Amino acid sequence: MERKRTAAQRAADKCRTGRPPKKPAEKWSERITVYMTTAERARLELLAEQEGVTLASLVMRPWRGEE
């Protein structure tokens, strides 16, 4: 069971600064899950390391037209 927030905690929340959350339409990316075997991942990680890019960047190349 969750405790209710005190008046002081609610007041502190109103004083917090920072960027407000973006609306879903303003976000540039979404997360997806890709399943691969251990061997596939090792091979792709080696290729990414040789090219000096992240694994995600290497996987996204065909869709970004960077082949």
PDB file of N, CA and C in Angstrom:
ATOM      1  N   MET A   1       0.849  -1.182   0.000  1.00  0.00           N
ATOM      2  CA  MET A   1       0.000   0.000   0.000  1.00  0.00           C
ATOM      3  C   MET A   1       0.891   1.242   0.000  1.00  0.00           C
ATOM      4  N   GLU A   2       0.522   2.180  -0.789  1.00  0.00           N
ATOM      5  CA  GLU A   2       1.336   3.378  -0.962  1.00  0.00           C
ATOM      6  C   GLU A   2       0.867   4.477  -0.010  1.00  0.00           C
ATOM      7  N   ARG A   3       1.840   5.170   0.596  1.00  0.00           N
ATOM      8  CA  ARG A   3       1.502   6.275   1.501  1.00  0.00           C
ATOM      9  C   ARG A   3       1.055   7.494   0.716  1.00  0.00           C
ATOM     10  N   LYS A   4       0.166   8.260   1.305  1.00  0.00           N
ATOM     11  CA  LYS A   4      -0.256   9.507   0.673  1.00  0.00           C
ATOM     12  C   LYS A   4       0.831  10.547   0.874  1.00  0.00           C
ATOM     13  N   ARG A   5       0.980  11.418  -0.091  1.00  0.00           N
ATOM     14  CA  ARG A   5       2.002  12.457  -0.015  1.00  0.00           C
ATOM     15  C   ARG A   5       1.551  13.557   0.940  1.00  0.00           C
ATOM     16  N   THR A   6       2.500  14.095   1.667  1.00  0.00           N
ATOM     17  CA  THR A   6       2.186  15.162   2.621  1.00  0.00           C
ATOM     18  C   THR A   6       2.022  16.485   1.878  1.00  0.00           C
ATOM     19  N   ALA A   7       1.490  17.465   2.576  1.00  0.00           N
ATOM     20  CA  ALA A   7       1.321  18.790   1.977  1.00  0.00           C
ATOM     21  C   ALA A   7       2.673  19.372   1.596  1.00  0.00           C
ATOM     22  N   ALA A   8       3.687  19.149   2.415  1.00  0.00           N
ATOM     23  CA  ALA A   8       5.034  19.658   2.116  1.00  0.00           C
ATOM     24  C   ALA A   8       5.591  19.000   0.855  1.00  0.00           C
ATOM     25  N   GLN A   9       5.340  17.720   0.692  1.00  0.00           N
ATOM     26  CA  GLN A   9       5.815  17.022  -0.510  1.00  0.00           C
ATOM     27  C   GLN A   9       5.110  17.531  -1.759  1.00  0.00           C
ATOM     28  N   ARG A  10       3.821  17.768  -1.651  1.00  0.00           N
ATOM     29  CA  ARG A  10       3.078  18.309  -2.805  1.00  0.00           C
ATOM     30  C   ARG A  10       3.550  19.715  -3.143  1.00  0.00           C
ATOM     31  N   ALA A  11       3.845  20.530  -2.139  1.00  0.00           N
ATOM     32  CA  ALA A  11       4.345  21.884  -2.374  1.00  0.00           C
ATOM     33  C   ALA A  11       5.721  21.837  -3.019  1.00  0.00           C
ATOM     34  N   ALA A  12       6.561  20.904  -2.589  1.00  0.00           N
ATOM     35  CA  ALA A  12       7.900  20.767  -3.173  1.00  0.00           C
ATOM     36  C   ALA A  12       7.801  20.357  -4.636  1.00  0.00           C
ATOM     37  N   ASP A  13       6.836  19.511  -4.962  1.00  0.00           N
ATOM     38  CA  ASP A  13       6.642  19.094  -6.355  1.00  0.00           C
ATOM     39  C   ASP A  13       6.362  20.283  -7.260  1.00  0.00           C
ATOM     40  N   LYS A  14       5.614  21.256  -6.768  1.00  0.00           N
ATOM     41  CA  LYS A  14       5.269  22.428  -7.563  1.00  0.00           C
ATOM     42  C   LYS A  14       6.471  23.331  -7.795  1.00  0.00           C
ATOM     43  N   CYS A  15       7.479  23.256  -6.930  1.00  0.00           N
ATOM     44  CA  CYS A  15       8.657  24.115  -7.048  1.00  0.00           C
ATOM     45  C   CYS A  15       9.760  23.492  -7.905  1.00  0.00           C
ATOM     46  N   ARG A  16       9.588  22.261  -8.249  1.00  0.00           N
ATOM     47  CA  ARG A  16      10.632  21.580  -9.036  1.00  0.00           C
ATOM     48  C   ARG A  16      10.761  22.234 -10.403  1.00  0.00           C
ATOM     49  N   THR A  17      11.998  22.300 -10.872  1.00  0.00           N
ATOM     50  CA  THR A  17      12.239  22.848 -12.197  1.00  0.00           C
ATOM     51  C   THR A  17      12.709  21.737 -13.113  1.00  0.00           C
ATOM     52  N   GLY A  18      12.810  22.037 -14.353  1.00  0.00           N
ATOM     53  CA  GLY A  18      13.249  21.050 -15.326  1.00  0.00           C
ATOM     54  C   GLY A  18      12.303  21.041 -16.506  1.00  0.00           C
ATOM     55  N   ARG A  19      12.695  20.315 -17.497  1.00  0.00           N
ATOM     56  CA  ARG A  19      11.902  20.246 -18.704  1.00  0.00           C
ATOM     57  C   ARG A  19      10.680  19.367 -18.480  1.00  0.00           C
ATOM     58  N   PRO A  20       9.502  19.846 -18.879  1.00  0.00           N
ATOM     59  CA  PRO A  20       8.316  19.000 -18.748  1.00  0.00           C
ATOM     60  C   PRO A  20       8.375  17.853 -19.767  1.00  0.00           C
ATOM     61  N   PRO A  21       7.682  16.788 -19.518  1.00  0.00           N
ATOM     62  CA  PRO A  21       7.698  15.661 -20.459  1.00  0.00           C
ATOM     63  C   PRO A  21       7.155  16.069 -21.826  1.00  0.00           C
ATOM     64  N   LYS A  22       7.723  15.470 -22.859  1.00  0.00           N
ATOM     65  CA  LYS A  22       7.242  15.754 -24.212  1.00  0.00           C
ATOM     66  C   LYS A  22       5.957  14.998 -24.493  1.00  0.00           C
ATOM     67  N   LYS A  23       5.151  15.553 -25.384  1.00  0.00           N
ATOM     68  CA  LYS A  23       3.950  14.876 -25.846  1.00  0.00           C
ATOM     69  C   LYS A  23       4.399  13.747 -26.784  1.00  0.00           C
ATOM     70  N   PRO A  24       3.658  12.657 -26.853  1.00  0.00           N
ATOM     71  CA  PRO A  24       4.060  11.548 -27.728  1.00  0.00           C
ATOM     72  C   PRO A  24       4.302  11.971 -29.178  1.00  0.00           C
ATOM     73  N   ALA A  25       3.547  12.943 -29.685  1.00  0.00           N
ATOM     74  CA  ALA A  25       3.709  13.389 -31.067  1.00  0.00           C
ATOM     75  C   ALA A  25       5.025  14.128 -31.280  1.00  0.00           C
ATOM     76  N   GLU A  26       5.632  14.657 -30.207  1.00  0.00           N
ATOM     77  CA  GLU A  26       6.876  15.418 -30.325  1.00  0.00           C
ATOM     78  C   GLU A  26       8.120  14.548 -30.180  1.00  0.00           C
ATOM     79  N   LYS A  27       7.936  13.301 -29.774  1.00  0.00           N
ATOM     80  CA  LYS A  27       9.089  12.432 -29.560  1.00  0.00           C
ATOM     81  C   LYS A  27       9.667  11.991 -30.894  1.00  0.00           C
ATOM     82  N   TRP A  28      10.970  11.871 -30.936  1.00  0.00           N
ATOM     83  CA  TRP A  28      11.655  11.509 -32.171  1.00  0.00           C
ATOM     84  C   TRP A  28      11.841  10.007 -32.316  1.00  0.00           C
ATOM     85  N   SER A  29      11.724   9.271 -31.238  1.00  0.00           N
ATOM     86  CA  SER A  29      12.017   7.849 -31.343  1.00  0.00           C
ATOM     87  C   SER A  29      11.085   7.020 -30.479  1.00  0.00           C
ATOM     88  N   GLU A  30      11.064   5.749 -30.805  1.00  0.00           N
ATOM     89  CA  GLU A  30      10.322   4.771 -30.029  1.00  0.00           C
ATOM     90  C   GLU A  30      11.232   3.574 -29.824  1.00  0.00           C
ATOM     91  N   ARG A  31      10.980   2.837 -28.771  1.00  0.00           N
ATOM     92  CA  ARG A  31      11.776   1.642 -28.496  1.00  0.00           C
ATOM     93  C   ARG A  31      11.119   0.448 -29.163  1.00  0.00           C
ATOM     94  N   ILE A  32      11.970  -0.406 -29.701  1.00  0.00           N
ATOM     95  CA  ILE A  32      11.505  -1.683 -30.217  1.00  0.00           C
ATOM     96  C   ILE A  32      12.424  -2.757 -29.667  1.00  0.00           C
ATOM     97  N   THR A  33      11.948  -3.974 -29.640  1.00  0.00           N
ATOM     98  CA  THR A  33      12.746  -5.086 -29.155  1.00  0.00           C
ATOM     99  C   THR A  33      13.101  -5.973 -30.339  1.00  0.00           C
ATOM    100  N   VAL A  34      14.365  -6.327 -30.426  1.00  0.00           N
ATOM    101  CA  VAL A  34      14.840  -7.204 -31.487  1.00  0.00           C
ATOM    102  C   VAL A  34      15.447  -8.436 -30.824  1.00  0.00           C
ATOM    103  N   TYR A  35      15.001  -9.589 -31.217  1.00  0.00           N
ATOM    104  CA  TYR A  35      15.540 -10.828 -30.677  1.00  0.00           C
ATOM    105  C   TYR A  35      16.533 -11.416 -31.662  1.00  0.00           C
ATOM    106  N   MET A  36      17.692 -11.826 -31.160  1.00  0.00           N
ATOM    107  CA  MET A  36      18.703 -12.469 -31.999  1.00  0.00           C
ATOM    108  C   MET A  36      19.449 -13.495 -31.164  1.00  0.00           C
ATOM    109  N   THR A  37      20.119 -14.398 -31.836  1.00  0.00           N
ATOM    110  CA  THR A  37      20.886 -15.407 -31.117  1.00  0.00           C
ATOM    111  C   THR A  37      22.149 -14.776 -30.549  1.00  0.00           C
ATOM    112  N   THR A  38      22.776 -15.469 -29.636  1.00  0.00           N
ATOM    113  CA  THR A  38      24.021 -14.984 -29.042  1.00  0.00           C
ATOM    114  C   THR A  38      25.097 -14.835 -30.116  1.00  0.00           C
ATOM    115  N   ALA A  39      25.128 -15.761 -31.041  1.00  0.00           N
ATOM    116  CA  ALA A  39      26.125 -15.706 -32.118  1.00  0.00           C
ATOM    117  C   ALA A  39      25.882 -14.508 -33.032  1.00  0.00           C
ATOM    118  N   GLU A  40      24.611 -14.246 -33.351  1.00  0.00           N
ATOM    119  CA  GLU A  40      24.287 -13.087 -34.191  1.00  0.00           C
ATOM    120  C   GLU A  40      24.694 -11.791 -33.503  1.00  0.00           C
ATOM    121  N   ARG A  41      24.401 -11.697 -32.215  1.00  0.00           N
ATOM    122  CA  ARG A  41      24.744 -10.481 -31.477  1.00  0.00           C
ATOM    123  C   ARG A  41      26.253 -10.286 -31.422  1.00  0.00           C
ATOM    124  N   ALA A  42      26.990 -11.354 -31.168  1.00  0.00           N
ATOM    125  CA  ALA A  42      28.454 -11.265 -31.103  1.00  0.00           C
ATOM    126  C   ALA A  42      29.025 -10.807 -32.444  1.00  0.00           C
ATOM    127  N   ARG A  43      28.478 -11.367 -33.535  1.00  0.00           N
ATOM    128  CA  ARG A  43      28.957 -10.988 -34.874  1.00  0.00           C
ATOM    129  C   ARG A  43      28.670  -9.518 -35.165  1.00  0.00           C
ATOM    130  N   LEU A  44      27.462  -9.075 -34.836  1.00  0.00           N
ATOM    131  CA  LEU A  44      27.099  -7.680 -35.083  1.00  0.00           C
ATOM    132  C   LEU A  44      27.885  -6.726 -34.185  1.00  0.00           C
ATOM    133  N   GLU A  45      28.116  -7.110 -32.930  1.00  0.00           N
ATOM    134  CA  GLU A  45      28.911  -6.267 -32.035  1.00  0.00           C
ATOM    135  C   GLU A  45      30.339  -6.117 -32.565  1.00  0.00           C
ATOM    136  N   LEU A  46      30.892  -7.192 -33.107  1.00  0.00           N
ATOM    137  CA  LEU A  46      32.241  -7.135 -33.679  1.00  0.00           C
ATOM    138  C   LEU A  46      32.261  -6.201 -34.889  1.00  0.00           C
ATOM    139  N   LEU A  47      31.274  -6.313 -35.755  1.00  0.00           N
ATOM    140  CA  LEU A  47      31.186  -5.417 -36.921  1.00  0.00           C
ATOM    141  C   LEU A  47      31.049  -3.958 -36.488  1.00  0.00           C
ATOM    142  N   ALA A  48      30.208  -3.718 -35.498  1.00  0.00           N
ATOM    143  CA  ALA A  48      30.001  -2.352 -35.007  1.00  0.00           C
ATOM    144  C   ALA A  48      31.288  -1.793 -34.410  1.00  0.00           C
ATOM    145  N   GLU A  49      31.997  -2.617 -33.657  1.00  0.00           N
ATOM    146  CA  GLU A  49      33.257  -2.170 -33.055  1.00  0.00           C
ATOM    147  C   GLU A  49      34.288  -1.847 -34.132  1.00  0.00           C
ATOM    148  N   GLN A  50      34.360  -2.671 -35.172  1.00  0.00           N
ATOM    149  CA  GLN A  50      35.309  -2.436 -36.264  1.00  0.00           C
ATOM    150  C   GLN A  50      35.002  -1.135 -37.002  1.00  0.00           C
ATOM    151  N   GLU A  51      33.728  -0.802 -37.114  1.00  0.00           N
ATOM    152  CA  GLU A  51      33.330   0.413 -37.827  1.00  0.00           C
ATOM    153  C   GLU A  51      33.237   1.629 -36.915  1.00  0.00           C
ATOM    154  N   GLY A  52      33.364   1.414 -35.614  1.00  0.00           N
ATOM    155  CA  GLY A  52      33.339   2.528 -34.670  1.00  0.00           C
ATOM    156  C   GLY A  52      31.961   3.124 -34.455  1.00  0.00           C
ATOM    157  N   VAL A  53      30.939   2.294 -34.532  1.00  0.00           N
ATOM    158  CA  VAL A  53      29.571   2.750 -34.301  1.00  0.00           C
ATOM    159  C   VAL A  53      28.927   1.865 -33.239  1.00  0.00           C
ATOM    160  N   THR A  54      27.778   2.291 -32.747  1.00  0.00           N
ATOM    161  CA  THR A  54      27.061   1.472 -31.778  1.00  0.00           C
ATOM    162  C   THR A  54      26.319   0.353 -32.498  1.00  0.00           C
ATOM    163  N   LEU A  55      25.954  -0.658 -31.738  1.00  0.00           N
ATOM    164  CA  LEU A  55      25.199  -1.773 -32.303  1.00  0.00           C
ATOM    165  C   LEU A  55      23.871  -1.291 -32.874  1.00  0.00           C
ATOM    166  N   ALA A  56      23.202  -0.399 -32.156  1.00  0.00           N
ATOM    167  CA  ALA A  56      21.917   0.131 -32.631  1.00  0.00           C
ATOM    168  C   ALA A  56      22.086   0.870 -33.961  1.00  0.00           C
ATOM    169  N   SER A  57      23.145   1.654 -34.085  1.00  0.00           N
ATOM    170  CA  SER A  57      23.381   2.390 -35.335  1.00  0.00           C
ATOM    171  C   SER A  57      23.627   1.434 -36.488  1.00  0.00           C
ATOM    172  N   LEU A  58      24.369   0.383 -36.218  1.00  0.00           N
ATOM    173  CA  LEU A  58      24.658  -0.605 -37.255  1.00  0.00           C
ATOM    174  C   LEU A  58      23.377  -1.298 -37.712  1.00  0.00           C
ATOM    175  N   VAL A  59      22.530  -1.666 -36.769  1.00  0.00           N
ATOM    176  CA  VAL A  59      21.282  -2.360 -37.096  1.00  0.00           C
ATOM    177  C   VAL A  59      20.337  -1.446 -37.874  1.00  0.00           C
ATOM    178  N   MET A  60      20.342  -0.151 -37.591  1.00  0.00           N
ATOM    179  CA  MET A  60      19.420   0.783 -38.232  1.00  0.00           C
ATOM    180  C   MET A  60      19.875   1.265 -39.614  1.00  0.00           C
ATOM    181  N   ARG A  61      21.089   0.987 -39.997  1.00  0.00           N
ATOM    182  CA  ARG A  61      21.610   1.486 -41.286  1.00  0.00           C
ATOM    183  C   ARG A  61      20.717   1.217 -42.485  1.00  0.00           C
ATOM    184  N   PRO A  62      20.241  -0.002 -42.689  1.00  0.00           N
ATOM    185  CA  PRO A  62      19.404  -0.239 -43.886  1.00  0.00           C
ATOM    186  C   PRO A  62      18.162   0.646 -43.947  1.00  0.00           C
ATOM    187  N   TRP A  63      17.569   0.950 -42.810  1.00  0.00           N
ATOM    188  CA  TRP A  63      16.349   1.768 -42.801  1.00  0.00           C
ATOM    189  C   TRP A  63      16.660   3.255 -42.917  1.00  0.00           C
ATOM    190  N   ARG A  64      17.872   3.637 -42.640  1.00  0.00           N
ATOM    191  CA  ARG A  64      18.254   5.036 -42.743  1.00  0.00           C
ATOM    192  C   ARG A  64      18.947   5.338 -44.071  1.00  0.00           C
ATOM    193  N   GLY A  65      19.115   4.341 -44.905  1.00  0.00           N
ATOM    194  CA  GLY A  65      19.741   4.533 -46.195  1.00  0.00           C
ATOM    195  C   GLY A  65      21.236   4.783 -46.111  1.00  0.00           C
ATOM    196  N   GLU A  66      21.904   4.234 -45.099  1.00  0.00           N
ATOM    197  CA  GLU A  66      23.335   4.450 -44.906  1.00  0.00           C
ATOM    198  C   GLU A  66      24.163   3.230 -45.315  1.00  0.00           C
ATOM    199  N   GLU A  67      23.647   2.403 -46.171  1.00  0.00           N
ATOM    200  CA  GLU A  67      24.332   1.150 -46.515  1.00  0.00           C
ATOM    201  C   GLU A  67      25.654   1.381 -47.181  1.00  0.00           C
TER     202      GLU A  67
END
